[in-house]
Amino acid sequence: MSARKAAHIPNSKPVTLVGRESRLSLSHDEVVFHRGGIEFRCEKPYAAWTELTLTLESPIDHRRMHCNGVVISCTGNKHTGYHVSMVFTSLSRHGMEVMQSIAAQSL
């Protein structure tokens, strides 16, 4: 799996992660995008296999994209924060195009 850090996208809305009991908003520079998922740091731990909904604004056409994912790894502690890895469980064709465009912008 290849990883690319997203370049700063002007006038873009933050990445929003929504779980059953939490909501987390991250700027694009706090998220590492992979072809099949994302990585980010946060103050709250997430258990493995926790399902999350991701909302991302497309840098191409500025439409909002919603997709689902599962936490596969969460390491760290309450003092230094947690490093969370999440994979997408379903991604539409538009979602795949958005992820490819974000990766291309960071080159």
PDB file of N, CA and C in Angstrom:
ATOM      1  N   MET A   1       0.848  -1.156   0.000  1.00  0.00           N
ATOM      2  CA  MET A   1       0.000   0.000   0.000  1.00  0.00           C
ATOM      3  C   MET A   1       0.899   1.226   0.000  1.00  0.00           C
ATOM      4  N   SER A   2       0.615   2.179  -0.850  1.00  0.00           N
ATOM      5  CA  SER A   2       1.416   3.396  -0.904  1.00  0.00           C
ATOM      6  C   SER A   2       0.713   4.500  -0.138  1.00  0.00           C
ATOM      7  N   ALA A   3       1.519   5.401   0.415  1.00  0.00           N
ATOM      8  CA  ALA A   3       0.945   6.499   1.200  1.00  0.00           C
ATOM      9  C   ALA A   3       1.455   7.819   0.669  1.00  0.00           C
ATOM     10  N   ARG A   4       0.585   8.795   0.709  1.00  0.00           N
ATOM     11  CA  ARG A   4       0.966  10.137   0.307  1.00  0.00           C
ATOM     12  C   ARG A   4       0.310  11.095   1.291  1.00  0.00           C
ATOM     13  N   LYS A   5       1.050  12.094   1.701  1.00  0.00           N
ATOM     14  CA  LYS A   5       0.472  13.122   2.561  1.00  0.00           C
ATOM     15  C   LYS A   5      -0.206  14.137   1.654  1.00  0.00           C
ATOM     16  N   ALA A   6      -1.404  14.489   1.972  1.00  0.00           N
ATOM     17  CA  ALA A   6      -2.162  15.417   1.133  1.00  0.00           C
ATOM     18  C   ALA A   6      -1.549  16.801   1.204  1.00  0.00           C
ATOM     19  N   ALA A   7      -1.441  17.423   0.062  1.00  0.00           N
ATOM     20  CA  ALA A   7      -0.975  18.801   0.007  1.00  0.00           C
ATOM     21  C   ALA A   7      -2.081  19.700   0.545  1.00  0.00           C
ATOM     22  N   HIS A   8      -1.714  20.905   0.947  1.00  0.00           N
ATOM     23  CA  HIS A   8      -2.722  21.845   1.431  1.00  0.00           C
ATOM     24  C   HIS A   8      -3.679  22.169   0.290  1.00  0.00           C
ATOM     25  N   ILE A   9      -4.950  22.006   0.542  1.00  0.00           N
ATOM     26  CA  ILE A   9      -5.964  22.274  -0.458  1.00  0.00           C
ATOM     27  C   ILE A   9      -6.693  23.533  -0.024  1.00  0.00           C
ATOM     28  N   PRO A  10      -6.488  24.658  -0.713  1.00  0.00           N
ATOM     29  CA  PRO A  10      -7.106  25.903  -0.279  1.00  0.00           C
ATOM     30  C   PRO A  10      -8.629  25.834  -0.304  1.00  0.00           C
ATOM     31  N   ASN A  11      -9.239  26.500   0.651  1.00  0.00           N
ATOM     32  CA  ASN A  11     -10.700  26.589   0.749  1.00  0.00           C
ATOM     33  C   ASN A  11     -11.388  25.245   0.846  1.00  0.00           C
ATOM     34  N   SER A  12     -10.713  24.240   1.379  1.00  0.00           N
ATOM     35  CA  SER A  12     -11.354  22.941   1.506  1.00  0.00           C
ATOM     36  C   SER A  12     -11.800  22.737   2.946  1.00  0.00           C
ATOM     37  N   LYS A  13     -12.868  21.997   3.107  1.00  0.00           N
ATOM     38  CA  LYS A  13     -13.405  21.730   4.425  1.00  0.00           C
ATOM     39  C   LYS A  13     -12.603  20.601   5.060  1.00  0.00           C
ATOM     40  N   PRO A  14     -12.624  20.506   6.382  1.00  0.00           N
ATOM     41  CA  PRO A  14     -11.850  19.466   7.042  1.00  0.00           C
ATOM     42  C   PRO A  14     -12.446  18.087   6.824  1.00  0.00           C
ATOM     43  N   VAL A  15     -11.623  17.085   7.042  1.00  0.00           N
ATOM     44  CA  VAL A  15     -12.079  15.703   7.029  1.00  0.00           C
ATOM     45  C   VAL A  15     -12.849  15.498   8.320  1.00  0.00           C
ATOM     46  N   THR A  16     -14.035  14.927   8.252  1.00  0.00           N
ATOM     47  CA  THR A  16     -14.850  14.697   9.434  1.00  0.00           C
ATOM     48  C   THR A  16     -15.067  13.206   9.603  1.00  0.00           C
ATOM     49  N   LEU A  17     -14.747  12.682  10.779  1.00  0.00           N
ATOM     50  CA  LEU A  17     -14.968  11.280  11.105  1.00  0.00           C
ATOM     51  C   LEU A  17     -16.092  11.208  12.118  1.00  0.00           C
ATOM     52  N   VAL A  18     -17.061  10.354  11.856  1.00  0.00           N
ATOM     53  CA  VAL A  18     -18.205  10.230  12.746  1.00  0.00           C
ATOM     54  C   VAL A  18     -18.344   8.781  13.172  1.00  0.00           C
ATOM     55  N   GLY A  19     -18.350   8.542  14.477  1.00  0.00           N
ATOM     56  CA  GLY A  19     -18.592   7.224  15.030  1.00  0.00           C
ATOM     57  C   GLY A  19     -19.907   7.245  15.770  1.00  0.00           C
ATOM     58  N   ARG A  20     -20.252   6.138  16.381  1.00  0.00           N
ATOM     59  CA  ARG A  20     -21.524   6.082  17.111  1.00  0.00           C
ATOM     60  C   ARG A  20     -21.567   7.070  18.263  1.00  0.00           C
ATOM     61  N   GLU A  21     -20.427   7.264  18.924  1.00  0.00           N
ATOM     62  CA  GLU A  21     -20.421   8.120  20.097  1.00  0.00           C
ATOM     63  C   GLU A  21     -19.484   9.309  19.968  1.00  0.00           C
ATOM     64  N   SER A  22     -18.939   9.544  18.789  1.00  0.00           N
ATOM     65  CA  SER A  22     -17.980  10.637  18.676  1.00  0.00           C
ATOM     66  C   SER A  22     -17.998  11.259  17.289  1.00  0.00           C
ATOM     67  N   ARG A  23     -17.453  12.457  17.227  1.00  0.00           N
ATOM     68  CA  ARG A  23     -17.306  13.181  15.971  1.00  0.00           C
ATOM     69  C   ARG A  23     -15.947  13.863  16.023  1.00  0.00           C
ATOM     70  N   LEU A  24     -15.147  13.698  14.980  1.00  0.00           N
ATOM     71  CA  LEU A  24     -13.800  14.226  14.948  1.00  0.00           C
ATOM     72  C   LEU A  24     -13.599  14.969  13.646  1.00  0.00           C
ATOM     73  N   SER A  25     -13.088  16.184  13.727  1.00  0.00           N
ATOM     74  CA  SER A  25     -12.846  16.989  12.541  1.00  0.00           C
ATOM     75  C   SER A  25     -11.345  17.237  12.424  1.00  0.00           C
ATOM     76  N   LEU A  26     -10.766  16.869  11.275  1.00  0.00           N
ATOM     77  CA  LEU A  26      -9.333  16.991  11.044  1.00  0.00           C
ATOM     78  C   LEU A  26      -9.082  17.804   9.792  1.00  0.00           C
ATOM     79  N   SER A  27      -8.010  18.608   9.800  1.00  0.00           N
ATOM     80  CA  SER A  27      -7.650  19.323   8.582  1.00  0.00           C
ATOM     81  C   SER A  27      -6.932  18.346   7.649  1.00  0.00           C
ATOM     82  N   HIS A  28      -6.858  18.691   6.371  1.00  0.00           N
ATOM     83  CA  HIS A  28      -6.249  17.795   5.390  1.00  0.00           C
ATOM     84  C   HIS A  28      -4.780  17.510   5.683  1.00  0.00           C
ATOM     85  N   ASP A  29      -4.086  18.449   6.312  1.00  0.00           N
ATOM     86  CA  ASP A  29      -2.667  18.211   6.589  1.00  0.00           C
ATOM     87  C   ASP A  29      -2.442  17.320   7.804  1.00  0.00           C
ATOM     88  N   GLU A  30      -3.494  16.944   8.516  1.00  0.00           N
ATOM     89  CA  GLU A  30      -3.386  16.024   9.644  1.00  0.00           C
ATOM     90  C   GLU A  30      -3.708  14.586   9.260  1.00  0.00           C
ATOM     91  N   VAL A  31      -4.007  14.349   7.996  1.00  0.00           N
ATOM     92  CA  VAL A  31      -4.418  13.033   7.537  1.00  0.00           C
ATOM     93  C   VAL A  31      -3.454  12.542   6.471  1.00  0.00           C
ATOM     94  N   VAL A  32      -3.033  11.284   6.591  1.00  0.00           N
ATOM     95  CA  VAL A  32      -2.232  10.647   5.554  1.00  0.00           C
ATOM     96  C   VAL A  32      -3.179   9.759   4.761  1.00  0.00           C
ATOM     97  N   PHE A  33      -3.236   9.994   3.457  1.00  0.00           N
ATOM     98  CA  PHE A  33      -4.148   9.259   2.596  1.00  0.00           C
ATOM     99  C   PHE A  33      -3.437   8.082   1.938  1.00  0.00           C
ATOM    100  N   HIS A  34      -4.052   6.929   1.988  1.00  0.00           N
ATOM    101  CA  HIS A  34      -3.602   5.731   1.288  1.00  0.00           C
ATOM    102  C   HIS A  34      -4.642   5.436   0.210  1.00  0.00           C
ATOM    103  N   ARG A  35      -4.307   4.550  -0.692  1.00  0.00           N
ATOM    104  CA  ARG A  35      -5.298   4.196  -1.713  1.00  0.00           C
ATOM    105  C   ARG A  35      -6.525   3.539  -1.097  1.00  0.00           C
ATOM    106  N   GLY A  36      -6.350   2.788  -0.034  1.00  0.00           N
ATOM    107  CA  GLY A  36      -7.472   2.066   0.550  1.00  0.00           C
ATOM    108  C   GLY A  36      -7.890   2.535   1.922  1.00  0.00           C
ATOM    109  N   GLY A  37      -7.323   3.642   2.411  1.00  0.00           N
ATOM    110  CA  GLY A  37      -7.680   4.099   3.742  1.00  0.00           C
ATOM    111  C   GLY A  37      -6.945   5.359   4.133  1.00  0.00           C
ATOM    112  N   ILE A  38      -6.985   5.655   5.428  1.00  0.00           N
ATOM    113  CA  ILE A  38      -6.323   6.855   5.937  1.00  0.00           C
ATOM    114  C   ILE A  38      -5.658   6.542   7.273  1.00  0.00           C
ATOM    115  N   GLU A  39      -4.747   7.427   7.676  1.00  0.00           N
ATOM    116  CA  GLU A  39      -4.132   7.402   8.997  1.00  0.00           C
ATOM    117  C   GLU A  39      -4.231   8.802   9.580  1.00  0.00           C
ATOM    118  N   PHE A  40      -4.440   8.888  10.885  1.00  0.00           N
ATOM    119  CA  PHE A  40      -4.530  10.190  11.540  1.00  0.00           C
ATOM    120  C   PHE A  40      -4.206  10.042  13.019  1.00  0.00           C
ATOM    121  N   ARG A  41      -3.927  11.155  13.661  1.00  0.00           N
ATOM    122  CA  ARG A  41      -3.674  11.184  15.098  1.00  0.00           C
ATOM    123  C   ARG A  41      -4.863  11.847  15.783  1.00  0.00           C
ATOM    124  N   CYS A  42      -5.192  11.365  16.970  1.00  0.00           N
ATOM    125  CA  CYS A  42      -6.293  11.953  17.729  1.00  0.00           C
ATOM    126  C   CYS A  42      -6.044  11.775  19.219  1.00  0.00           C
ATOM    127  N   GLU A  43      -6.870  12.406  20.027  1.00  0.00           N
ATOM    128  CA  GLU A  43      -6.725  12.348  21.480  1.00  0.00           C
ATOM    129  C   GLU A  43      -7.495  11.191  22.095  1.00  0.00           C
ATOM    130  N   LYS A  44      -8.415  10.591  21.338  1.00  0.00           N
ATOM    131  CA  LYS A  44      -9.274   9.536  21.859  1.00  0.00           C
ATOM    132  C   LYS A  44      -8.945   8.216  21.177  1.00  0.00           C
ATOM    133  N   PRO A  45      -8.839   7.127  21.918  1.00  0.00           N
ATOM    134  CA  PRO A  45      -8.568   5.839  21.280  1.00  0.00           C
ATOM    135  C   PRO A  45      -9.831   5.268  20.639  1.00  0.00           C
ATOM    136  N   TYR A  46      -9.638   4.506  19.579  1.00  0.00           N
ATOM    137  CA  TYR A  46     -10.718   3.786  18.927  1.00  0.00           C
ATOM    138  C   TYR A  46     -10.381   2.304  18.968  1.00  0.00           C
ATOM    139  N   ALA A  47     -11.325   1.487  19.340  1.00  0.00           N
ATOM    140  CA  ALA A  47     -11.101   0.048  19.380  1.00  0.00           C
ATOM    141  C   ALA A  47     -11.004  -0.502  17.963  1.00  0.00           C
ATOM    142  N   ALA A  48     -10.219  -1.561  17.799  1.00  0.00           N
ATOM    143  CA  ALA A  48     -10.128  -2.217  16.494  1.00  0.00           C
ATOM    144  C   ALA A  48     -11.514  -2.679  16.073  1.00  0.00           C
ATOM    145  N   TRP A  49     -11.783  -2.599  14.807  1.00  0.00           N
ATOM    146  CA  TRP A  49     -13.047  -2.984  14.156  1.00  0.00           C
ATOM    147  C   TRP A  49     -14.184  -2.010  14.434  1.00  0.00           C
ATOM    148  N   THR A  50     -13.870  -0.836  14.967  1.00  0.00           N
ATOM    149  CA  THR A  50     -14.881   0.201  15.129  1.00  0.00           C
ATOM    150  C   THR A  50     -15.214   0.770  13.752  1.00  0.00           C
ATOM    151  N   GLU A  51     -16.489   0.839  13.433  1.00  0.00           N
ATOM    152  CA  GLU A  51     -16.914   1.391  12.146  1.00  0.00           C
ATOM    153  C   GLU A  51     -17.050   2.902  12.257  1.00  0.00           C
ATOM    154  N   LEU A  52     -16.514   3.617  11.263  1.00  0.00           N
ATOM    155  CA  LEU A  52     -16.590   5.069  11.222  1.00  0.00           C
ATOM    156  C   LEU A  52     -17.093   5.515   9.859  1.00  0.00           C
ATOM    157  N   THR A  53     -17.705   6.674   9.823  1.00  0.00           N
ATOM    158  CA  THR A  53     -18.130   7.287   8.575  1.00  0.00           C
ATOM    159  C   THR A  53     -17.214   8.470   8.307  1.00  0.00           C
ATOM    160  N   LEU A  54     -16.700   8.571   7.100  1.00  0.00           N
ATOM    161  CA  LEU A  54     -15.780   9.623   6.723  1.00  0.00           C
ATOM    162  C   LEU A  54     -16.468  10.563   5.755  1.00  0.00           C
ATOM    163  N   THR A  55     -16.347  11.866   5.990  1.00  0.00           N
ATOM    164  CA  THR A  55     -16.864  12.875   5.072  1.00  0.00           C
ATOM    165  C   THR A  55     -15.696  13.711   4.601  1.00  0.00           C
ATOM    166  N   LEU A  56     -15.544  13.844   3.299  1.00  0.00           N
ATOM    167  CA  LEU A  56     -14.430  14.565   2.707  1.00  0.00           C
ATOM    168  C   LEU A  56     -14.945  15.415   1.570  1.00  0.00           C
ATOM    169  N   GLU A  57     -14.463  16.647   1.471  1.00  0.00           N
ATOM    170  CA  GLU A  57     -14.870  17.492   0.353  1.00  0.00           C
ATOM    171  C   GLU A  57     -13.900  17.297  -0.794  1.00  0.00           C
ATOM    172  N   SER A  58     -14.423  17.041  -1.975  1.00  0.00           N
ATOM    173  CA  SER A  58     -13.614  16.795  -3.156  1.00  0.00           C
ATOM    174  C   SER A  58     -12.887  18.061  -3.600  1.00  0.00           C
ATOM    175  N   PRO A  59     -11.563  17.979  -3.857  1.00  0.00           N
ATOM    176  CA  PRO A  59     -10.849  19.141  -4.377  1.00  0.00           C
ATOM    177  C   PRO A  59     -11.135  19.378  -5.858  1.00  0.00           C
ATOM    178  N   ILE A  60     -11.733  18.393  -6.519  1.00  0.00           N
ATOM    179  CA  ILE A  60     -12.038  18.503  -7.947  1.00  0.00           C
ATOM    180  C   ILE A  60     -13.283  19.351  -8.160  1.00  0.00           C
ATOM    181  N   ASP A  61     -14.401  18.908  -7.601  1.00  0.00           N
ATOM    182  CA  ASP A  61     -15.667  19.582  -7.845  1.00  0.00           C
ATOM    183  C   ASP A  61     -16.329  20.096  -6.562  1.00  0.00           C
ATOM    184  N   HIS A  62     -15.626  19.994  -5.448  1.00  0.00           N
ATOM    185  CA  HIS A  62     -16.085  20.485  -4.142  1.00  0.00           C
ATOM    186  C   HIS A  62     -17.387  19.834  -3.655  1.00  0.00           C
ATOM    187  N   ARG A  63     -17.696  18.659  -4.194  1.00  0.00           N
ATOM    188  CA  ARG A  63     -18.817  17.901  -3.648  1.00  0.00           C
ATOM    189  C   ARG A  63     -18.338  17.133  -2.428  1.00  0.00           C
ATOM    190  N   ARG A  64     -19.255  16.866  -1.524  1.00  0.00           N
ATOM    191  CA  ARG A  64     -18.914  16.101  -0.341  1.00  0.00           C
ATOM    192  C   ARG A  64     -19.008  14.620  -0.644  1.00  0.00           C
ATOM    193  N   MET A  65     -18.049  13.882  -0.134  1.00  0.00           N
ATOM    194  CA  MET A  65     -17.994  12.442  -0.336  1.00  0.00           C
ATOM    195  C   MET A  65     -18.169  11.756   1.023  1.00  0.00           C
ATOM    196  N   HIS A  66     -19.021  10.777   1.092  1.00  0.00           N
ATOM    197  CA  HIS A  66     -19.228  10.010   2.313  1.00  0.00           C
ATOM    198  C   HIS A  66     -18.794   8.573   2.044  1.00  0.00           C
ATOM    199  N   CYS A  67     -18.030   8.004   2.952  1.00  0.00           N
ATOM    200  CA  CYS A  67     -17.662   6.603   2.826  1.00  0.00           C
ATOM    201  C   CYS A  67     -17.526   5.997   4.218  1.00  0.00           C
ATOM    202  N   ASN A  68     -17.530   4.697   4.255  1.00  0.00           N
ATOM    203  CA  ASN A  68     -17.440   3.981   5.519  1.00  0.00           C
ATOM    204  C   ASN A  68     -16.084   3.319   5.632  1.00  0.00           C
ATOM    205  N   GLY A  69     -15.654   3.142   6.875  1.00  0.00           N
ATOM    206  CA  GLY A  69     -14.375   2.497   7.105  1.00  0.00           C
ATOM    207  C   GLY A  69     -14.357   1.802   8.444  1.00  0.00           C
ATOM    208  N   VAL A  70     -13.286   1.030   8.648  1.00  0.00           N
ATOM    209  CA  VAL A  70     -13.113   0.278   9.877  1.00  0.00           C
ATOM    210  C   VAL A  70     -11.718   0.566  10.419  1.00  0.00           C
ATOM    211  N   VAL A  71     -11.631   0.797  11.729  1.00  0.00           N
ATOM    212  CA  VAL A  71     -10.342   1.003  12.375  1.00  0.00           C
ATOM    213  C   VAL A  71      -9.631  -0.344  12.442  1.00  0.00           C
ATOM    214  N   ILE A  72      -8.414  -0.396  11.914  1.00  0.00           N
ATOM    215  CA  ILE A  72      -7.660  -1.649  11.966  1.00  0.00           C
ATOM    216  C   ILE A  72      -6.515  -1.589  12.977  1.00  0.00           C
ATOM    217  N   SER A  73      -6.135  -0.371  13.374  1.00  0.00           N
ATOM    218  CA  SER A  73      -5.054  -0.239  14.342  1.00  0.00           C
ATOM    219  C   SER A  73      -5.198   1.085  15.075  1.00  0.00           C
ATOM    220  N   CYS A  74      -4.932   1.051  16.375  1.00  0.00           N
ATOM    221  CA  CYS A  74      -4.916   2.260  17.181  1.00  0.00           C
ATOM    222  C   CYS A  74      -3.837   2.073  18.244  1.00  0.00           C
ATOM    223  N   THR A  75      -2.747   2.830  18.123  1.00  0.00           N
ATOM    224  CA  THR A  75      -1.641   2.708  19.056  1.00  0.00           C
ATOM    225  C   THR A  75      -1.385   4.059  19.707  1.00  0.00           C
ATOM    226  N   GLY A  76      -0.782   4.042  20.879  1.00  0.00           N
ATOM    227  CA  GLY A  76      -0.453   5.271  21.573  1.00  0.00           C
ATOM    228  C   GLY A  76      -0.993   5.263  22.981  1.00  0.00           C
ATOM    229  N   ASN A  77      -1.026   6.441  23.592  1.00  0.00           N
ATOM    230  CA  ASN A  77      -1.556   6.566  24.948  1.00  0.00           C
ATOM    231  C   ASN A  77      -2.152   7.959  25.131  1.00  0.00           C
ATOM    232  N   LYS A  78      -2.756   8.182  26.293  1.00  0.00           N
ATOM    233  CA  LYS A  78      -3.451   9.449  26.518  1.00  0.00           C
ATOM    234  C   LYS A  78      -2.504  10.637  26.638  1.00  0.00           C
ATOM    235  N   HIS A  79      -1.224  10.392  26.868  1.00  0.00           N
ATOM    236  CA  HIS A  79      -0.264  11.480  27.015  1.00  0.00           C
ATOM    237  C   HIS A  79       0.277  11.968  25.678  1.00  0.00           C
ATOM    238  N   THR A  80       0.496  11.052  24.750  1.00  0.00           N
ATOM    239  CA  THR A  80       1.077  11.424  23.451  1.00  0.00           C
ATOM    240  C   THR A  80       0.062  11.432  22.327  1.00  0.00           C
ATOM    241  N   GLY A  81      -1.126  10.922  22.573  1.00  0.00           N
ATOM    242  CA  GLY A  81      -2.143  10.828  21.528  1.00  0.00           C
ATOM    243  C   GLY A  81      -2.127   9.449  20.892  1.00  0.00           C
ATOM    244  N   TYR A  82      -3.076   9.222  20.028  1.00  0.00           N
ATOM    245  CA  TYR A  82      -3.251   7.916  19.401  1.00  0.00           C
ATOM    246  C   TYR A  82      -3.067   8.029  17.896  1.00  0.00           C
ATOM    247  N   HIS A  83      -2.423   7.031  17.320  1.00  0.00           N
ATOM    248  CA  HIS A  83      -2.237   6.938  15.877  1.00  0.00           C
ATOM    249  C   HIS A  83      -3.228   5.891  15.374  1.00  0.00           C
ATOM    250  N   VAL A  84      -4.173   6.319  14.560  1.00  0.00           N
ATOM    251  CA  VAL A  84      -5.263   5.454  14.100  1.00  0.00           C
ATOM    252  C   VAL A  84      -5.092   5.158  12.615  1.00  0.00           C
ATOM    253  N   SER A  85      -5.214   3.882  12.257  1.00  0.00           N
ATOM    254  CA  SER A  85      -5.223   3.457  10.857  1.00  0.00           C
ATOM    255  C   SER A  85      -6.612   2.925  10.542  1.00  0.00           C
ATOM    256  N   MET A  86      -7.159   3.379   9.435  1.00  0.00           N
ATOM    257  CA  MET A  86      -8.522   3.016   9.047  1.00  0.00           C
ATOM    258  C   MET A  86      -8.533   2.610   7.578  1.00  0.00           C
ATOM    259  N   VAL A  87      -9.248   1.543   7.243  1.00  0.00           N
ATOM    260  CA  VAL A  87      -9.410   1.143   5.845  1.00  0.00           C
ATOM    261  C   VAL A  87     -10.853   1.380   5.433  1.00  0.00           C
ATOM    262  N   PHE A  88     -11.035   1.715   4.164  1.00  0.00           N
ATOM    263  CA  PHE A  88     -12.375   1.921   3.635  1.00  0.00           C
ATOM    264  C   PHE A  88     -13.024   0.562   3.372  1.00  0.00           C
ATOM    265  N   THR A  89     -14.285   0.451   3.739  1.00  0.00           N
ATOM    266  CA  THR A  89     -15.009  -0.797   3.481  1.00  0.00           C
ATOM    267  C   THR A  89     -15.789  -0.721   2.183  1.00  0.00           C
ATOM    268  N   SER A  90     -16.100   0.462   1.743  1.00  0.00           N
ATOM    269  CA  SER A  90     -16.755   0.637   0.446  1.00  0.00           C
ATOM    270  C   SER A  90     -16.414   2.031  -0.043  1.00  0.00           C
ATOM    271  N   LEU A  91     -16.135   2.126  -1.317  1.00  0.00           N
ATOM    272  CA  LEU A  91     -15.767   3.407  -1.898  1.00  0.00           C
ATOM    273  C   LEU A  91     -16.385   3.485  -3.281  1.00  0.00           C
ATOM    274  N   SER A  92     -17.150   4.525  -3.526  1.00  0.00           N
ATOM    275  CA  SER A  92     -17.802   4.685  -4.830  1.00  0.00           C
ATOM    276  C   SER A  92     -16.765   5.057  -5.891  1.00  0.00           C
ATOM    277  N   ARG A  93     -17.171   5.043  -7.128  1.00  0.00           N
ATOM    278  CA  ARG A  93     -16.278   5.444  -8.219  1.00  0.00           C
ATOM    279  C   ARG A  93     -15.825   6.890  -8.020  1.00  0.00           C
ATOM    280  N   HIS A  94     -16.752   7.755  -7.625  1.00  0.00           N
ATOM    281  CA  HIS A  94     -16.403   9.144  -7.348  1.00  0.00           C
ATOM    282  C   HIS A  94     -15.387   9.216  -6.207  1.00  0.00           C
ATOM    283  N   GLY A  95     -15.588   8.410  -5.177  1.00  0.00           N
ATOM    284  CA  GLY A  95     -14.669   8.379  -4.049  1.00  0.00           C
ATOM    285  C   GLY A  95     -13.268   7.957  -4.457  1.00  0.00           C
ATOM    286  N   MET A  96     -13.174   6.975  -5.333  1.00  0.00           N
ATOM    287  CA  MET A  96     -11.870   6.540  -5.825  1.00  0.00           C
ATOM    288  C   MET A  96     -11.179   7.653  -6.604  1.00  0.00           C
ATOM    289  N   GLU A  97     -11.944   8.385  -7.407  1.00  0.00           N
ATOM    290  CA  GLU A  97     -11.387   9.504  -8.176  1.00  0.00           C
ATOM    291  C   GLU A  97     -10.889  10.604  -7.240  1.00  0.00           C
ATOM    292  N   VAL A  98     -11.648  10.885  -6.185  1.00  0.00           N
ATOM    293  CA  VAL A  98     -11.247  11.910  -5.224  1.00  0.00           C
ATOM    294  C   VAL A  98      -9.949  11.503  -4.544  1.00  0.00           C
ATOM    295  N   MET A  99      -9.855  10.260  -4.101  1.00  0.00           N
ATOM    296  CA  MET A  99      -8.646   9.801  -3.427  1.00  0.00           C
ATOM    297  C   MET A  99      -7.431   9.864  -4.368  1.00  0.00           C
ATOM    298  N   GLN A 100      -7.612   9.518  -5.637  1.00  0.00           N
ATOM    299  CA  GLN A 100      -6.527   9.594  -6.604  1.00  0.00           C
ATOM    300  C   GLN A 100      -6.108  11.041  -6.830  1.00  0.00           C
ATOM    301  N   SER A 101      -7.071  11.965  -6.866  1.00  0.00           N
ATOM    302  CA  SER A 101      -6.730  13.373  -7.086  1.00  0.00           C
ATOM    303  C   SER A 101      -5.973  13.957  -5.897  1.00  0.00           C
ATOM    304  N   ILE A 102      -6.347  13.568  -4.684  1.00  0.00           N
ATOM    305  CA  ILE A 102      -5.647  14.043  -3.489  1.00  0.00           C
ATOM    306  C   ILE A 102      -4.204  13.543  -3.514  1.00  0.00           C
ATOM    307  N   ALA A 103      -4.017  12.282  -3.849  1.00  0.00           N
ATOM    308  CA  ALA A 103      -2.664  11.723  -3.923  1.00  0.00           C
ATOM    309  C   ALA A 103      -1.851  12.426  -4.995  1.00  0.00           C
ATOM    310  N   ALA A 104      -2.456  12.736  -6.131  1.00  0.00           N
ATOM    311  CA  ALA A 104      -1.748  13.400  -7.232  1.00  0.00           C
ATOM    312  C   ALA A 104      -1.350  14.823  -6.851  1.00  0.00           C
ATOM    313  N   GLN A 105      -2.176  15.518  -6.067  1.00  0.00           N
ATOM    314  CA  GLN A 105      -1.870  16.892  -5.662  1.00  0.00           C
ATOM    315  C   GLN A 105      -0.695  16.964  -4.713  1.00  0.00           C
ATOM    316  N   SER A 106      -0.419  15.878  -3.994  1.00  0.00           N
ATOM    317  CA  SER A 106       0.682  15.922  -3.028  1.00  0.00           C
ATOM    318  C   SER A 106       2.042  15.651  -3.665  1.00  0.00           C
ATOM    319  N   LEU A 107       2.075  15.284  -4.935  1.00  0.00           N
ATOM    320  CA  LEU A 107       3.362  15.025  -5.603  1.00  0.00           C
ATOM    321  C   LEU A 107       4.116  16.270  -5.915  1.00  0.00           C
TER     322      LEU A 107
END
